[in-house]
């Protein structure tokens, strides 16, 4: 059962590996995630993520490959 309405506000969140996700505003974040400051509809948040997340590899993988 989904208790989130279609007009809910979402936040773009980021973890320590610099991976993005969308989280419903007002809900507690899981450990390891932080709010980026961008809020909006789910579609707006997903669009924002598609603009800013250019390299989907986790940060640790990028660092290892860059030497």
C-alpha atoms as a PDB file:
ATOM      1  CA  UNK A   1       0.000   0.000   0.000  1.00  0.00           C
ATOM      2  CA  UNK A   2       1.365   3.418  -0.981  1.00  0.00           C
ATOM      3  CA  UNK A   3       0.529   6.287   1.372  1.00  0.00           C
ATOM      4  CA  UNK A   4       2.180   9.012  -0.761  1.00  0.00           C
ATOM      5  CA  UNK A   5      -0.191  11.248  -2.723  1.00  0.00           C
ATOM      6  CA  UNK A   6       0.488  12.162  -6.328  1.00  0.00           C
ATOM      7  CA  UNK A   7       1.078  15.812  -5.378  1.00  0.00           C
ATOM      8  CA  UNK A   8       3.698  15.005  -2.725  1.00  0.00           C
ATOM      9  CA  UNK A   9       6.906  17.017  -2.530  1.00  0.00           C
ATOM     10  CA  UNK A  10      10.173  15.165  -2.972  1.00  0.00           C
ATOM     11  CA  UNK A  11      13.815  15.900  -2.248  1.00  0.00           C
ATOM     12  CA  UNK A  12      16.909  14.878  -4.146  1.00  0.00           C
ATOM     13  CA  UNK A  13      19.228  12.991  -1.823  1.00  0.00           C
ATOM     14  CA  UNK A  14      22.834  11.854  -2.150  1.00  0.00           C
ATOM     15  CA  UNK A  15      24.828   9.129  -0.428  1.00  0.00           C
ATOM     16  CA  UNK A  16      28.511   8.884   0.459  1.00  0.00           C
ATOM     17  CA  UNK A  17      29.230   7.158  -2.876  1.00  0.00           C
ATOM     18  CA  UNK A  18      27.721  10.201  -4.656  1.00  0.00           C
ATOM     19  CA  UNK A  19      24.706   8.256  -5.910  1.00  0.00           C
ATOM     20  CA  UNK A  20      21.429  10.170  -6.206  1.00  0.00           C
ATOM     21  CA  UNK A  21      17.879   9.233  -5.328  1.00  0.00           C
ATOM     22  CA  UNK A  22      14.460  10.782  -4.752  1.00  0.00           C
ATOM     23  CA  UNK A  23      12.992  10.828  -1.251  1.00  0.00           C
ATOM     24  CA  UNK A  24       9.558  11.948  -0.052  1.00  0.00           C
ATOM     25  CA  UNK A  25       9.874  15.214   1.925  1.00  0.00           C
ATOM     26  CA  UNK A  26       9.313  14.961   5.642  1.00  0.00           C
ATOM     27  CA  UNK A  27      10.375  11.353   5.968  1.00  0.00           C
ATOM     28  CA  UNK A  28      13.485  10.361   7.880  1.00  0.00           C
ATOM     29  CA  UNK A  29      16.423   9.572   5.620  1.00  0.00           C
ATOM     30  CA  UNK A  30      18.193   6.233   5.868  1.00  0.00           C
ATOM     31  CA  UNK A  31      21.679   6.335   7.328  1.00  0.00           C
ATOM     32  CA  UNK A  32      24.304   7.437   4.830  1.00  0.00           C
ATOM     33  CA  UNK A  33      22.022   9.734   2.817  1.00  0.00           C
ATOM     34  CA  UNK A  34      21.822  13.538   2.884  1.00  0.00           C
ATOM     35  CA  UNK A  35      19.568  16.157   1.299  1.00  0.00           C
ATOM     36  CA  UNK A  36      21.085  18.088  -1.625  1.00  0.00           C
ATOM     37  CA  UNK A  37      18.720  21.065  -1.382  1.00  0.00           C
ATOM     38  CA  UNK A  38      16.652  20.420  -4.522  1.00  0.00           C
ATOM     39  CA  UNK A  39      12.930  19.822  -3.931  1.00  0.00           C
ATOM     40  CA  UNK A  40       9.957  19.489  -6.241  1.00  0.00           C
ATOM     41  CA  UNK A  41       7.626  16.948  -7.771  1.00  0.00           C
ATOM     42  CA  UNK A  42       8.952  13.462  -8.371  1.00  0.00           C
ATOM     43  CA  UNK A  43       9.361  14.227 -12.082  1.00  0.00           C
ATOM     44  CA  UNK A  44      11.171  17.512 -11.362  1.00  0.00           C
ATOM     45  CA  UNK A  45      13.557  15.731  -9.000  1.00  0.00           C
ATOM     46  CA  UNK A  46      14.229  12.956 -11.505  1.00  0.00           C
ATOM     47  CA  UNK A  47      14.873  15.559 -14.211  1.00  0.00           C
ATOM     48  CA  UNK A  48      17.309  17.387 -11.921  1.00  0.00           C
ATOM     49  CA  UNK A  49      19.146  14.134 -11.201  1.00  0.00           C
ATOM     50  CA  UNK A  50      19.439  13.379 -14.922  1.00  0.00           C
ATOM     51  CA  UNK A  51      21.101  16.796 -15.385  1.00  0.00           C
ATOM     52  CA  UNK A  52      23.602  16.596 -12.520  1.00  0.00           C
ATOM     53  CA  UNK A  53      24.485  12.888 -12.310  1.00  0.00           C
ATOM     54  CA  UNK A  54      26.872  12.523 -15.228  1.00  0.00           C
ATOM     55  CA  UNK A  55      28.856   9.514 -14.059  1.00  0.00           C
ATOM     56  CA  UNK A  56      26.791   6.797 -12.395  1.00  0.00           C
ATOM     57  CA  UNK A  57      29.762   4.854 -11.117  1.00  0.00           C
ATOM     58  CA  UNK A  58      30.080   4.961  -7.332  1.00  0.00           C
ATOM     59  CA  UNK A  59      32.699   7.422  -6.093  1.00  0.00           C
ATOM     60  CA  UNK A  60      34.944   4.613  -4.802  1.00  0.00           C
ATOM     61  CA  UNK A  61      35.003   2.995  -8.254  1.00  0.00           C
ATOM     62  CA  UNK A  62      35.794   6.302  -9.973  1.00  0.00           C
ATOM     63  CA  UNK A  63      38.647   6.936  -7.547  1.00  0.00           C
ATOM     64  CA  UNK A  64      40.057   3.451  -8.026  1.00  0.00           C
ATOM     65  CA  UNK A  65      39.931   3.735 -11.809  1.00  0.00           C
ATOM     66  CA  UNK A  66      41.553   7.192 -11.732  1.00  0.00           C
ATOM     67  CA  UNK A  67      44.403   5.805  -9.788  1.00  0.00           C
END
